[in-house]
Amino acid sequence: MVQLSSFIVALVAATAAYAVPSPPIPRAAFTLANGQAAQALNQQFASLTASSPCTAGQNACVGGQFAQCSNGAFAVTACAGGLQCVALPLVNSPGTSVTCDTQADAIARIAATGAQGGLTG
């Protein structure tokens, strides 16, 4: 019985030592589109001002600050130190989000989707 247990332990250890890593997880079908959509939004945000027309509840970036539409105009809120407002691609579903982030992280997140050209394409 002890020999059988020793054999099983050795067999499990040997199998684990030769385990093959799983292949990389493929990108979701929407990943690239999300990156490109974030780039398009960031490009649009570059021309917005606090008085730009908007739709109630719309989020955007105005002058690098987070903005939300209220009564037909953007109410602007500054991002915390070292952060700027950007559109980012969602990871687990189609779409984008508007948030405060570092420029380096935003560029990396967009690049991870396969989109080229940085924040604005």
PDB file of N, CA and C in Angstrom:
ATOM      1  N   MET A   1       0.822  -1.187   0.000  1.00  0.00           N
ATOM      2  CA  MET A   1       0.000   0.000   0.000  1.00  0.00           C
ATOM      3  C   MET A   1       0.873   1.261   0.000  1.00  0.00           C
ATOM      4  N   VAL A   2       1.955   1.259   0.785  1.00  0.00           N
ATOM      5  CA  VAL A   2       2.852   2.405   0.849  1.00  0.00           C
ATOM      6  C   VAL A   2       3.516   2.605  -0.507  1.00  0.00           C
ATOM      7  N   GLN A   3       3.892   1.503  -1.169  1.00  0.00           N
ATOM      8  CA  GLN A   3       4.529   1.618  -2.481  1.00  0.00           C
ATOM      9  C   GLN A   3       3.564   2.204  -3.508  1.00  0.00           C
ATOM     10  N   LEU A   4       2.284   1.803  -3.447  1.00  0.00           N
ATOM     11  CA  LEU A   4       1.288   2.325  -4.379  1.00  0.00           C
ATOM     12  C   LEU A   4       1.092   3.819  -4.146  1.00  0.00           C
ATOM     13  N   SER A   5       1.020   4.258  -2.900  1.00  0.00           N
ATOM     14  CA  SER A   5       0.866   5.677  -2.585  1.00  0.00           C
ATOM     15  C   SER A   5       2.076   6.460  -3.068  1.00  0.00           C
ATOM     16  N   SER A   6       3.258   5.932  -2.869  1.00  0.00           N
ATOM     17  CA  SER A   6       4.478   6.606  -3.324  1.00  0.00           C
ATOM     18  C   SER A   6       4.485   6.718  -4.842  1.00  0.00           C
ATOM     19  N   PHE A   7       4.032   5.664  -5.516  1.00  0.00           N
ATOM     20  CA  PHE A   7       3.984   5.673  -6.970  1.00  0.00           C
ATOM     21  C   PHE A   7       3.003   6.743  -7.469  1.00  0.00           C
ATOM     22  N   ILE A   8       1.840   6.836  -6.837  1.00  0.00           N
ATOM     23  CA  ILE A   8       0.830   7.819  -7.250  1.00  0.00           C
ATOM     24  C   ILE A   8       1.354   9.240  -7.041  1.00  0.00           C
ATOM     25  N   VAL A   9       2.009   9.488  -5.908  1.00  0.00           N
ATOM     26  CA  VAL A   9       2.577  10.806  -5.637  1.00  0.00           C
ATOM     27  C   VAL A   9       3.627  11.147  -6.688  1.00  0.00           C
ATOM     28  N   ALA A  10       4.483  10.181  -7.028  1.00  0.00           N
ATOM     29  CA  ALA A  10       5.522  10.408  -8.031  1.00  0.00           C
ATOM     30  C   ALA A  10       4.904  10.649  -9.400  1.00  0.00           C
ATOM     31  N   LEU A  11       3.852   9.915  -9.730  1.00  0.00           N
ATOM     32  CA  LEU A  11       3.177  10.074 -11.007  1.00  0.00           C
ATOM     33  C   LEU A  11       2.536  11.460 -11.115  1.00  0.00           C
ATOM     34  N   VAL A  12       1.875  11.908 -10.057  1.00  0.00           N
ATOM     35  CA  VAL A  12       1.249  13.234 -10.053  1.00  0.00           C
ATOM     36  C   VAL A  12       2.314  14.318 -10.189  1.00  0.00           C
ATOM     37  N   ALA A  13       3.417  14.188  -9.481  1.00  0.00           N
ATOM     38  CA  ALA A  13       4.501  15.176  -9.549  1.00  0.00           C
ATOM     39  C   ALA A  13       5.100  15.224 -10.955  1.00  0.00           C
ATOM     40  N   ALA A  14       5.292  14.064 -11.563  1.00  0.00           N
ATOM     41  CA  ALA A  14       5.862  14.019 -12.906  1.00  0.00           C
ATOM     42  C   ALA A  14       4.901  14.635 -13.923  1.00  0.00           C
ATOM     43  N   THR A  15       3.620  14.368 -13.771  1.00  0.00           N
ATOM     44  CA  THR A  15       2.622  14.934 -14.684  1.00  0.00           C
ATOM     45  C   THR A  15       2.587  16.450 -14.557  1.00  0.00           C
ATOM     46  N   ALA A  16       2.633  16.953 -13.340  1.00  0.00           N
ATOM     47  CA  ALA A  16       2.601  18.405 -13.116  1.00  0.00           C
ATOM     48  C   ALA A  16       3.841  19.067 -13.710  1.00  0.00           C
ATOM     49  N   ALA A  17       4.961  18.410 -13.642  1.00  0.00           N
ATOM     50  CA  ALA A  17       6.205  18.974 -14.163  1.00  0.00           C
ATOM     51  C   ALA A  17       6.152  19.125 -15.681  1.00  0.00           C
ATOM     52  N   TYR A  18       5.351  18.305 -16.342  1.00  0.00           N
ATOM     53  CA  TYR A  18       5.261  18.350 -17.798  1.00  0.00           C
ATOM     54  C   TYR A  18       3.958  18.973 -18.283  1.00  0.00           C
ATOM     55  N   ALA A  19       3.263  19.686 -17.426  1.00  0.00           N
ATOM     56  CA  ALA A  19       2.009  20.326 -17.820  1.00  0.00           C
ATOM     57  C   ALA A  19       2.288  21.354 -18.907  1.00  0.00           C
ATOM     58  N   VAL A  20       1.430  21.367 -19.885  1.00  0.00           N
ATOM     59  CA  VAL A  20       1.571  22.290 -21.007  1.00  0.00           C
ATOM     60  C   VAL A  20       0.727  23.526 -20.706  1.00  0.00           C
ATOM     61  N   PRO A  21       1.315  24.716 -20.847  1.00  0.00           N
ATOM     62  CA  PRO A  21       0.523  25.915 -20.583  1.00  0.00           C
ATOM     63  C   PRO A  21      -0.620  26.038 -21.587  1.00  0.00           C
ATOM     64  N   SER A  22      -1.724  26.598 -21.143  1.00  0.00           N
ATOM     65  CA  SER A  22      -2.858  26.763 -22.041  1.00  0.00           C
ATOM     66  C   SER A  22      -2.550  27.882 -23.024  1.00  0.00           C
ATOM     67  N   PRO A  23      -3.161  27.810 -24.199  1.00  0.00           N
ATOM     68  CA  PRO A  23      -2.918  28.858 -25.202  1.00  0.00           C
ATOM     69  C   PRO A  23      -3.483  30.182 -24.716  1.00  0.00           C
ATOM     70  N   PRO A  24      -2.982  31.304 -25.247  1.00  0.00           N
ATOM     71  CA  PRO A  24      -3.504  32.601 -24.816  1.00  0.00           C
ATOM     72  C   PRO A  24      -4.991  32.716 -25.133  1.00  0.00           C
ATOM     73  N   ILE A  25      -5.690  33.454 -24.305  1.00  0.00           N
ATOM     74  CA  ILE A  25      -7.117  33.648 -24.515  1.00  0.00           C
ATOM     75  C   ILE A  25      -7.294  34.637 -25.668  1.00  0.00           C
ATOM     76  N   PRO A  26      -8.079  34.262 -26.674  1.00  0.00           N
ATOM     77  CA  PRO A  26      -8.256  35.166 -27.811  1.00  0.00           C
ATOM     78  C   PRO A  26      -9.052  36.405 -27.395  1.00  0.00           C
ATOM     79  N   ARG A  27      -8.828  37.486 -28.107  1.00  0.00           N
ATOM     80  CA  ARG A  27      -9.591  38.705 -27.851  1.00  0.00           C
ATOM     81  C   ARG A  27     -11.054  38.471 -28.198  1.00  0.00           C
ATOM     82  N   ALA A  28     -11.910  39.140 -27.483  1.00  0.00           N
ATOM     83  CA  ALA A  28     -13.332  39.072 -27.799  1.00  0.00           C
ATOM     84  C   ALA A  28     -13.571  39.780 -29.131  1.00  0.00           C
ATOM     85  N   ALA A  29     -14.653  39.436 -29.778  1.00  0.00           N
ATOM     86  CA  ALA A  29     -14.970  40.015 -31.077  1.00  0.00           C
ATOM     87  C   ALA A  29     -15.117  41.536 -31.008  1.00  0.00           C
ATOM     88  N   PHE A  30     -15.503  42.060 -29.853  1.00  0.00           N
ATOM     89  CA  PHE A  30     -15.739  43.498 -29.724  1.00  0.00           C
ATOM     90  C   PHE A  30     -14.517  44.279 -29.239  1.00  0.00           C
ATOM     91  N   THR A  31     -13.435  43.619 -28.915  1.00  0.00           N
ATOM     92  CA  THR A  31     -12.293  44.286 -28.290  1.00  0.00           C
ATOM     93  C   THR A  31     -11.713  45.409 -29.148  1.00  0.00           C
ATOM     94  N   LEU A  32     -11.399  45.132 -30.394  1.00  0.00           N
ATOM     95  CA  LEU A  32     -10.827  46.152 -31.273  1.00  0.00           C
ATOM     96  C   LEU A  32     -11.820  47.298 -31.485  1.00  0.00           C
ATOM     97  N   ALA A  33     -13.083  46.957 -31.696  1.00  0.00           N
ATOM     98  CA  ALA A  33     -14.107  47.993 -31.897  1.00  0.00           C
ATOM     99  C   ALA A  33     -14.196  48.903 -30.673  1.00  0.00           C
ATOM    100  N   ASN A  34     -14.066  48.341 -29.472  1.00  0.00           N
ATOM    101  CA  ASN A  34     -14.099  49.160 -28.257  1.00  0.00           C
ATOM    102  C   ASN A  34     -12.919  50.135 -28.227  1.00  0.00           C
ATOM    103  N   GLY A  35     -11.744  49.665 -28.599  1.00  0.00           N
ATOM    104  CA  GLY A  35     -10.570  50.534 -28.626  1.00  0.00           C
ATOM    105  C   GLY A  35     -10.737  51.660 -29.628  1.00  0.00           C
ATOM    106  N   GLN A  36     -11.252  51.331 -30.783  1.00  0.00           N
ATOM    107  CA  GLN A  36     -11.455  52.342 -31.816  1.00  0.00           C
ATOM    108  C   GLN A  36     -12.551  53.335 -31.420  1.00  0.00           C
ATOM    109  N   ALA A  37     -13.584  52.848 -30.746  1.00  0.00           N
ATOM    110  CA  ALA A  37     -14.651  53.739 -30.272  1.00  0.00           C
ATOM    111  C   ALA A  37     -14.110  54.700 -29.215  1.00  0.00           C
ATOM    112  N   ALA A  38     -13.250  54.207 -28.328  1.00  0.00           N
ATOM    113  CA  ALA A  38     -12.639  55.077 -27.317  1.00  0.00           C
ATOM    114  C   ALA A  38     -11.786  56.149 -27.992  1.00  0.00           C
ATOM    115  N   GLN A  39     -11.030  55.754 -29.004  1.00  0.00           N
ATOM    116  CA  GLN A  39     -10.218  56.734 -29.737  1.00  0.00           C
ATOM    117  C   GLN A  39     -11.098  57.812 -30.383  1.00  0.00           C
ATOM    118  N   ALA A  40     -12.203  57.395 -30.987  1.00  0.00           N
ATOM    119  CA  ALA A  40     -13.103  58.346 -31.645  1.00  0.00           C
ATOM    120  C   ALA A  40     -13.690  59.326 -30.624  1.00  0.00           C
ATOM    121  N   LEU A  41     -14.082  58.824 -29.467  1.00  0.00           N
ATOM    122  CA  LEU A  41     -14.607  59.707 -28.424  1.00  0.00           C
ATOM    123  C   LEU A  41     -13.540  60.687 -27.954  1.00  0.00           C
ATOM    124  N   ASN A  42     -12.328  60.193 -27.725  1.00  0.00           N
ATOM    125  CA  ASN A  42     -11.255  61.086 -27.279  1.00  0.00           C
ATOM    126  C   ASN A  42     -10.980  62.171 -28.308  1.00  0.00           C
ATOM    127  N   GLN A  43     -11.111  61.831 -29.571  1.00  0.00           N
ATOM    128  CA  GLN A  43     -10.928  62.828 -30.625  1.00  0.00           C
ATOM    129  C   GLN A  43     -12.059  63.863 -30.574  1.00  0.00           C
ATOM    130  N   GLN A  44     -13.289  63.400 -30.372  1.00  0.00           N
ATOM    131  CA  GLN A  44     -14.431  64.318 -30.275  1.00  0.00           C
ATOM    132  C   GLN A  44     -14.302  65.228 -29.051  1.00  0.00           C
ATOM    133  N   PHE A  45     -13.834  64.658 -27.932  1.00  0.00           N
ATOM    134  CA  PHE A  45     -13.720  65.431 -26.696  1.00  0.00           C
ATOM    135  C   PHE A  45     -12.753  66.612 -26.848  1.00  0.00           C
ATOM    136  N   ALA A  46     -11.795  66.494 -27.729  1.00  0.00           N
ATOM    137  CA  ALA A  46     -10.790  67.544 -27.898  1.00  0.00           C
ATOM    138  C   ALA A  46     -11.416  68.873 -28.322  1.00  0.00           C
ATOM    139  N   SER A  47     -12.565  68.824 -28.972  1.00  0.00           N
ATOM    140  CA  SER A  47     -13.188  70.059 -29.451  1.00  0.00           C
ATOM    141  C   SER A  47     -14.337  70.545 -28.565  1.00  0.00           C
ATOM    142  N   LEU A  48     -14.652  69.822 -27.503  1.00  0.00           N
ATOM    143  CA  LEU A  48     -15.763  70.229 -26.634  1.00  0.00           C
ATOM    144  C   LEU A  48     -15.367  71.361 -25.700  1.00  0.00           C
ATOM    145  N   THR A  49     -16.362  72.187 -25.380  1.00  0.00           N
ATOM    146  CA  THR A  49     -16.215  73.204 -24.336  1.00  0.00           C
ATOM    147  C   THR A  49     -17.367  73.016 -23.351  1.00  0.00           C
ATOM    148  N   ALA A  50     -17.300  73.692 -22.239  1.00  0.00           N
ATOM    149  CA  ALA A  50     -18.365  73.578 -21.238  1.00  0.00           C
ATOM    150  C   ALA A  50     -19.709  74.027 -21.804  1.00  0.00           C
ATOM    151  N   SER A  51     -19.705  74.889 -22.803  1.00  0.00           N
ATOM    152  CA  SER A  51     -20.960  75.378 -23.390  1.00  0.00           C
ATOM    153  C   SER A  51     -21.384  74.608 -24.639  1.00  0.00           C
ATOM    154  N   SER A  52     -20.661  73.547 -24.983  1.00  0.00           N
ATOM    155  CA  SER A  52     -21.057  72.729 -26.135  1.00  0.00           C
ATOM    156  C   SER A  52     -22.429  72.119 -25.882  1.00  0.00           C
ATOM    157  N   PRO A  53     -23.272  72.027 -26.924  1.00  0.00           N
ATOM    158  CA  PRO A  53     -24.579  71.402 -26.731  1.00  0.00           C
ATOM    159  C   PRO A  53     -24.417  69.933 -26.333  1.00  0.00           C
ATOM    160  N   CYS A  54     -25.324  69.466 -25.488  1.00  0.00           N
ATOM    161  CA  CYS A  54     -25.232  68.080 -25.028  1.00  0.00           C
ATOM    162  C   CYS A  54     -26.614  67.562 -24.662  1.00  0.00           C
ATOM    163  N   THR A  55     -26.687  66.266 -24.418  1.00  0.00           N
ATOM    164  CA  THR A  55     -27.921  65.588 -24.054  1.00  0.00           C
ATOM    165  C   THR A  55     -27.879  65.243 -22.572  1.00  0.00           C
ATOM    166  N   ALA A  56     -28.980  65.442 -21.878  1.00  0.00           N
ATOM    167  CA  ALA A  56     -29.047  65.174 -20.437  1.00  0.00           C
ATOM    168  C   ALA A  56     -28.477  63.798 -20.106  1.00  0.00           C
ATOM    169  N   GLY A  57     -27.583  63.767 -19.124  1.00  0.00           N
ATOM    170  CA  GLY A  57     -26.969  62.515 -18.684  1.00  0.00           C
ATOM    171  C   GLY A  57     -25.728  62.118 -19.463  1.00  0.00           C
ATOM    172  N   GLN A  58     -25.409  62.836 -20.521  1.00  0.00           N
ATOM    173  CA  GLN A  58     -24.232  62.524 -21.343  1.00  0.00           C
ATOM    174  C   GLN A  58     -22.952  62.823 -20.563  1.00  0.00           C
ATOM    175  N   ASN A  59     -22.011  61.882 -20.579  1.00  0.00           N
ATOM    176  CA  ASN A  59     -20.693  62.086 -19.977  1.00  0.00           C
ATOM    177  C   ASN A  59     -19.685  62.369 -21.077  1.00  0.00           C
ATOM    178  N   ALA A  60     -18.717  63.213 -20.776  1.00  0.00           N
ATOM    179  CA  ALA A  60     -17.692  63.569 -21.759  1.00  0.00           C
ATOM    180  C   ALA A  60     -16.469  64.089 -21.017  1.00  0.00           C
ATOM    181  N   CYS A  61     -15.469  64.459 -21.777  1.00  0.00           N
ATOM    182  CA  CYS A  61     -14.287  65.116 -21.232  1.00  0.00           C
ATOM    183  C   CYS A  61     -14.209  66.500 -21.858  1.00  0.00           C
ATOM    184  N   VAL A  62     -14.021  67.496 -21.026  1.00  0.00           N
ATOM    185  CA  VAL A  62     -13.906  68.873 -21.488  1.00  0.00           C
ATOM    186  C   VAL A  62     -12.618  69.437 -20.903  1.00  0.00           C
ATOM    187  N   GLY A  63     -11.680  69.742 -21.761  1.00  0.00           N
ATOM    188  CA  GLY A  63     -10.413  70.281 -21.288  1.00  0.00           C
ATOM    189  C   GLY A  63      -9.680  69.360 -20.322  1.00  0.00           C
ATOM    190  N   GLY A  64      -9.795  68.059 -20.542  1.00  0.00           N
ATOM    191  CA  GLY A  64      -9.117  67.092 -19.676  1.00  0.00           C
ATOM    192  C   GLY A  64      -9.814  66.831 -18.356  1.00  0.00           C
ATOM    193  N   GLN A  65     -11.017  67.411 -18.192  1.00  0.00           N
ATOM    194  CA  GLN A  65     -11.780  67.229 -16.962  1.00  0.00           C
ATOM    195  C   GLN A  65     -13.063  66.453 -17.253  1.00  0.00           C
ATOM    196  N   PHE A  66     -13.566  65.736 -16.257  1.00  0.00           N
ATOM    197  CA  PHE A  66     -14.795  64.973 -16.406  1.00  0.00           C
ATOM    198  C   PHE A  66     -15.968  65.943 -16.503  1.00  0.00           C
ATOM    199  N   ALA A  67     -16.876  65.675 -17.428  1.00  0.00           N
ATOM    200  CA  ALA A  67     -18.018  66.563 -17.613  1.00  0.00           C
ATOM    201  C   ALA A  67     -19.293  65.739 -17.781  1.00  0.00           C
ATOM    202  N   GLN A  68     -20.385  66.236 -17.190  1.00  0.00           N
ATOM    203  CA  GLN A  68     -21.689  65.596 -17.333  1.00  0.00           C
ATOM    204  C   GLN A  68     -22.694  66.664 -17.743  1.00  0.00           C
ATOM    205  N   CYS A  69     -23.537  66.307 -18.704  1.00  0.00           N
ATOM    206  CA  CYS A  69     -24.501  67.266 -19.217  1.00  0.00           C
ATOM    207  C   CYS A  69     -25.615  67.503 -18.215  1.00  0.00           C
ATOM    208  N   SER A  70     -25.875  68.769 -17.980  1.00  0.00           N
ATOM    209  CA  SER A  70     -26.948  69.174 -17.082  1.00  0.00           C
ATOM    210  C   SER A  70     -27.591  70.425 -17.654  1.00  0.00           C
ATOM    211  N   ASN A  71     -28.888  70.363 -17.922  1.00  0.00           N
ATOM    212  CA  ASN A  71     -29.616  71.503 -18.479  1.00  0.00           C
ATOM    213  C   ASN A  71     -28.999  72.026 -19.776  1.00  0.00           C
ATOM    214  N   GLY A  72     -28.559  71.114 -20.635  1.00  0.00           N
ATOM    215  CA  GLY A  72     -28.065  71.484 -21.945  1.00  0.00           C
ATOM    216  C   GLY A  72     -26.631  71.968 -22.004  1.00  0.00           C
ATOM    217  N   ALA A  73     -25.913  71.943 -20.874  1.00  0.00           N
ATOM    218  CA  ALA A  73     -24.503  72.355 -20.863  1.00  0.00           C
ATOM    219  C   ALA A  73     -23.720  71.389 -19.976  1.00  0.00           C
ATOM    220  N   PHE A  74     -22.434  71.352 -20.167  1.00  0.00           N
ATOM    221  CA  PHE A  74     -21.597  70.440 -19.393  1.00  0.00           C
ATOM    222  C   PHE A  74     -21.213  71.056 -18.047  1.00  0.00           C
ATOM    223  N   ALA A  75     -21.438  70.296 -16.999  1.00  0.00           N
ATOM    224  CA  ALA A  75     -20.927  70.642 -15.673  1.00  0.00           C
ATOM    225  C   ALA A  75     -19.600  69.907 -15.532  1.00  0.00           C
ATOM    226  N   VAL A  76     -18.536  70.658 -15.321  1.00  0.00           N
ATOM    227  CA  VAL A  76     -17.184  70.112 -15.361  1.00  0.00           C
ATOM    228  C   VAL A  76     -16.665  69.883 -13.945  1.00  0.00           C
ATOM    229  N   THR A  77     -16.029  68.717 -13.745  1.00  0.00           N
ATOM    230  CA  THR A  77     -15.412  68.364 -12.470  1.00  0.00           C
ATOM    231  C   THR A  77     -13.959  67.989 -12.728  1.00  0.00           C
ATOM    232  N   ALA A  78     -13.048  68.605 -12.005  1.00  0.00           N
ATOM    233  CA  ALA A  78     -11.622  68.324 -12.193  1.00  0.00           C
ATOM    234  C   ALA A  78     -11.296  66.891 -11.759  1.00  0.00           C
ATOM    235  N   CYS A  79     -10.395  66.259 -12.482  1.00  0.00           N
ATOM    236  CA  CYS A  79      -9.872  64.949 -12.079  1.00  0.00           C
ATOM    237  C   CYS A  79      -8.849  65.154 -10.962  1.00  0.00           C
ATOM    238  N   ALA A  80      -8.599  64.117 -10.192  1.00  0.00           N
ATOM    239  CA  ALA A  80      -7.584  64.180  -9.134  1.00  0.00           C
ATOM    240  C   ALA A  80      -6.209  64.425  -9.756  1.00  0.00           C
ATOM    241  N   GLY A  81      -5.285  64.889  -8.945  1.00  0.00           N
ATOM    242  CA  GLY A  81      -3.936  65.213  -9.409  1.00  0.00           C
ATOM    243  C   GLY A  81      -3.293  64.102 -10.219  1.00  0.00           C
ATOM    244  N   GLY A  82      -2.712  64.467 -11.343  1.00  0.00           N
ATOM    245  CA  GLY A  82      -2.009  63.509 -12.192  1.00  0.00           C
ATOM    246  C   GLY A  82      -2.907  62.728 -13.126  1.00  0.00           C
ATOM    247  N   LEU A  83      -4.220  62.959 -13.050  1.00  0.00           N
ATOM    248  CA  LEU A  83      -5.157  62.231 -13.903  1.00  0.00           C
ATOM    249  C   LEU A  83      -5.813  63.192 -14.881  1.00  0.00           C
ATOM    250  N   GLN A  84      -6.269  62.631 -15.990  1.00  0.00           N
ATOM    251  CA  GLN A  84      -7.022  63.411 -16.964  1.00  0.00           C
ATOM    252  C   GLN A  84      -8.216  62.591 -17.397  1.00  0.00           C
ATOM    253  N   CYS A  85      -9.243  63.256 -17.862  1.00  0.00           N
ATOM    254  CA  CYS A  85     -10.445  62.576 -18.325  1.00  0.00           C
ATOM    255  C   CYS A  85     -10.185  61.958 -19.698  1.00  0.00           C
ATOM    256  N   VAL A  86     -10.590  60.710 -19.866  1.00  0.00           N
ATOM    257  CA  VAL A  86     -10.427  59.989 -21.131  1.00  0.00           C
ATOM    258  C   VAL A  86     -11.561  58.986 -21.317  1.00  0.00           C
ATOM    259  N   ALA A  87     -11.792  58.625 -22.557  1.00  0.00           N
ATOM    260  CA  ALA A  87     -12.676  57.499 -22.865  1.00  0.00           C
ATOM    261  C   ALA A  87     -11.798  56.256 -22.914  1.00  0.00           C
ATOM    262  N   LEU A  88     -12.264  55.189 -22.276  1.00  0.00           N
ATOM    263  CA  LEU A  88     -11.532  53.924 -22.256  1.00  0.00           C
ATOM    264  C   LEU A  88     -12.400  52.811 -22.820  1.00  0.00           C
ATOM    265  N   PRO A  89     -11.797  51.812 -23.450  1.00  0.00           N
ATOM    266  CA  PRO A  89     -12.580  50.672 -23.935  1.00  0.00           C
ATOM    267  C   PRO A  89     -12.991  49.768 -22.782  1.00  0.00           C
ATOM    268  N   LEU A  90     -14.218  49.291 -22.817  1.00  0.00           N
ATOM    269  CA  LEU A  90     -14.631  48.273 -21.852  1.00  0.00           C
ATOM    270  C   LEU A  90     -13.904  46.973 -22.191  1.00  0.00           C
ATOM    271  N   VAL A  91     -13.734  46.123 -21.201  1.00  0.00           N
ATOM    272  CA  VAL A  91     -12.990  44.876 -21.390  1.00  0.00           C
ATOM    273  C   VAL A  91     -13.914  43.685 -21.565  1.00  0.00           C
ATOM    274  N   ASN A  92     -14.999  43.622 -20.803  1.00  0.00           N
ATOM    275  CA  ASN A  92     -15.841  42.426 -20.781  1.00  0.00           C
ATOM    276  C   ASN A  92     -17.121  42.524 -21.592  1.00  0.00           C
ATOM    277  N   SER A  93     -17.364  43.668 -22.207  1.00  0.00           N
ATOM    278  CA  SER A  93     -18.569  43.831 -23.018  1.00  0.00           C
ATOM    279  C   SER A  93     -18.331  44.957 -24.018  1.00  0.00           C
ATOM    280  N   PRO A  94     -19.164  45.040 -25.038  1.00  0.00           N
ATOM    281  CA  PRO A  94     -19.004  46.119 -26.011  1.00  0.00           C
ATOM    282  C   PRO A  94     -19.222  47.485 -25.360  1.00  0.00           C
ATOM    283  N   GLY A  95     -18.434  48.474 -25.770  1.00  0.00           N
ATOM    284  CA  GLY A  95     -18.653  49.830 -25.305  1.00  0.00           C
ATOM    285  C   GLY A  95     -17.424  50.501 -24.746  1.00  0.00           C
ATOM    286  N   THR A  96     -17.657  51.688 -24.185  1.00  0.00           N
ATOM    287  CA  THR A  96     -16.599  52.506 -23.623  1.00  0.00           C
ATOM    288  C   THR A  96     -17.062  53.068 -22.284  1.00  0.00           C
ATOM    289  N   SER A  97     -16.126  53.624 -21.539  1.00  0.00           N
ATOM    290  CA  SER A  97     -16.454  54.352 -20.314  1.00  0.00           C
ATOM    291  C   SER A  97     -15.669  55.653 -20.329  1.00  0.00           C
ATOM    292  N   VAL A  98     -16.192  56.645 -19.647  1.00  0.00           N
ATOM    293  CA  VAL A  98     -15.525  57.937 -19.531  1.00  0.00           C
ATOM    294  C   VAL A  98     -15.112  58.078 -18.080  1.00  0.00           C
ATOM    295  N   THR A  99     -13.819  58.274 -17.851  1.00  0.00           N
ATOM    296  CA  THR A  99     -13.296  58.289 -16.493  1.00  0.00           C
ATOM    297  C   THR A  99     -12.006  59.090 -16.426  1.00  0.00           C
ATOM    298  N   CYS A 100     -11.499  59.276 -15.228  1.00  0.00           N
ATOM    299  CA  CYS A 100     -10.202  59.919 -15.036  1.00  0.00           C
ATOM    300  C   CYS A 100      -9.138  58.832 -14.907  1.00  0.00           C
ATOM    301  N   ASP A 101      -8.029  58.988 -15.605  1.00  0.00           N
ATOM    302  CA  ASP A 101      -6.963  57.987 -15.642  1.00  0.00           C
ATOM    303  C   ASP A 101      -5.653  58.699 -15.981  1.00  0.00           C
ATOM    304  N   THR A 102      -4.549  57.989 -15.825  1.00  0.00           N
ATOM    305  CA  THR A 102      -3.285  58.556 -16.297  1.00  0.00           C
ATOM    306  C   THR A 102      -3.237  58.397 -17.812  1.00  0.00           C
ATOM    307  N   GLN A 103      -2.524  59.270 -18.462  1.00  0.00           N
ATOM    308  CA  GLN A 103      -2.407  59.178 -19.915  1.00  0.00           C
ATOM    309  C   GLN A 103      -1.727  57.879 -20.316  1.00  0.00           C
ATOM    310  N   ALA A 104      -0.686  57.481 -19.580  1.00  0.00           N
ATOM    311  CA  ALA A 104       0.045  56.252 -19.913  1.00  0.00           C
ATOM    312  C   ALA A 104      -0.858  55.026 -19.816  1.00  0.00           C
ATOM    313  N   ASP A 105      -1.688  54.945 -18.763  1.00  0.00           N
ATOM    314  CA  ASP A 105      -2.574  53.798 -18.614  1.00  0.00           C
ATOM    315  C   ASP A 105      -3.638  53.799 -19.708  1.00  0.00           C
ATOM    316  N   ALA A 106      -4.184  54.958 -20.023  1.00  0.00           N
ATOM    317  CA  ALA A 106      -5.200  55.048 -21.072  1.00  0.00           C
ATOM    318  C   ALA A 106      -4.639  54.582 -22.415  1.00  0.00           C
ATOM    319  N   ILE A 107      -3.446  55.030 -22.737  1.00  0.00           N
ATOM    320  CA  ILE A 107      -2.807  54.615 -23.995  1.00  0.00           C
ATOM    321  C   ILE A 107      -2.584  53.108 -24.005  1.00  0.00           C
ATOM    322  N   ALA A 108      -2.132  52.556 -22.886  1.00  0.00           N
ATOM    323  CA  ALA A 108      -1.887  51.110 -22.796  1.00  0.00           C
ATOM    324  C   ALA A 108      -3.181  50.316 -22.940  1.00  0.00           C
ATOM    325  N   ARG A 109      -4.243  50.784 -22.320  1.00  0.00           N
ATOM    326  CA  ARG A 109      -5.532  50.070 -22.412  1.00  0.00           C
ATOM    327  C   ARG A 109      -6.070  50.075 -23.842  1.00  0.00           C
ATOM    328  N   ILE A 110      -5.928  51.203 -24.510  1.00  0.00           N
ATOM    329  CA  ILE A 110      -6.386  51.268 -25.902  1.00  0.00           C
ATOM    330  C   ILE A 110      -5.501  50.380 -26.781  1.00  0.00           C
ATOM    331  N   ALA A 111      -4.197  50.425 -26.586  1.00  0.00           N
ATOM    332  CA  ALA A 111      -3.280  49.588 -27.374  1.00  0.00           C
ATOM    333  C   ALA A 111      -3.552  48.104 -27.157  1.00  0.00           C
ATOM    334  N   ALA A 112      -3.957  47.729 -25.951  1.00  0.00           N
ATOM    335  CA  ALA A 112      -4.231  46.316 -25.644  1.00  0.00           C
ATOM    336  C   ALA A 112      -5.403  45.769 -26.458  1.00  0.00           C
ATOM    337  N   THR A 113      -6.230  46.644 -27.012  1.00  0.00           N
ATOM    338  CA  THR A 113      -7.347  46.190 -27.842  1.00  0.00           C
ATOM    339  C   THR A 113      -6.917  45.891 -29.273  1.00  0.00           C
ATOM    340  N   GLY A 114      -5.714  46.341 -29.627  1.00  0.00           N
ATOM    341  CA  GLY A 114      -5.235  46.189 -30.994  1.00  0.00           C
ATOM    342  C   GLY A 114      -5.408  47.478 -31.801  1.00  0.00           C
ATOM    343  N   ALA A 115      -6.063  48.474 -31.219  1.00  0.00           N
ATOM    344  CA  ALA A 115      -6.223  49.757 -31.909  1.00  0.00           C
ATOM    345  C   ALA A 115      -4.865  50.467 -31.923  1.00  0.00           C
ATOM    346  N   GLN A 116      -4.580  51.127 -33.008  1.00  0.00           N
ATOM    347  CA  GLN A 116      -3.284  51.814 -33.155  1.00  0.00           C
ATOM    348  C   GLN A 116      -3.499  53.318 -33.184  1.00  0.00           C
ATOM    349  N   GLY A 117      -2.492  54.060 -32.740  1.00  0.00           N
ATOM    350  CA  GLY A 117      -2.552  55.503 -32.838  1.00  0.00           C
ATOM    351  C   GLY A 117      -2.787  56.240 -31.530  1.00  0.00           C
ATOM    352  N   GLY A 118      -2.632  55.562 -30.413  1.00  0.00           N
ATOM    353  CA  GLY A 118      -2.737  56.243 -29.128  1.00  0.00           C
ATOM    354  C   GLY A 118      -4.157  56.592 -28.733  1.00  0.00           C
ATOM    355  N   LEU A 119      -4.307  57.693 -28.007  1.00  0.00           N
ATOM    356  CA  LEU A 119      -5.607  58.082 -27.464  1.00  0.00           C
ATOM    357  C   LEU A 119      -6.634  58.434 -28.526  1.00  0.00           C
ATOM    358  N   THR A 120      -6.198  59.012 -29.612  1.00  0.00           N
ATOM    359  CA  THR A 120      -7.152  59.526 -30.599  1.00  0.00           C
ATOM    360  C   THR A 120      -7.057  58.850 -31.967  1.00  0.00           C
ATOM    361  N   GLY A 121      -6.240  57.833 -32.080  1.00  0.00           N
ATOM    362  CA  GLY A 121      -6.116  57.127 -33.358  1.00  0.00           C
ATOM    363  C   GLY A 121      -5.306  57.901 -34.303  1.00  0.00           C
TER     364      GLY A 121
END
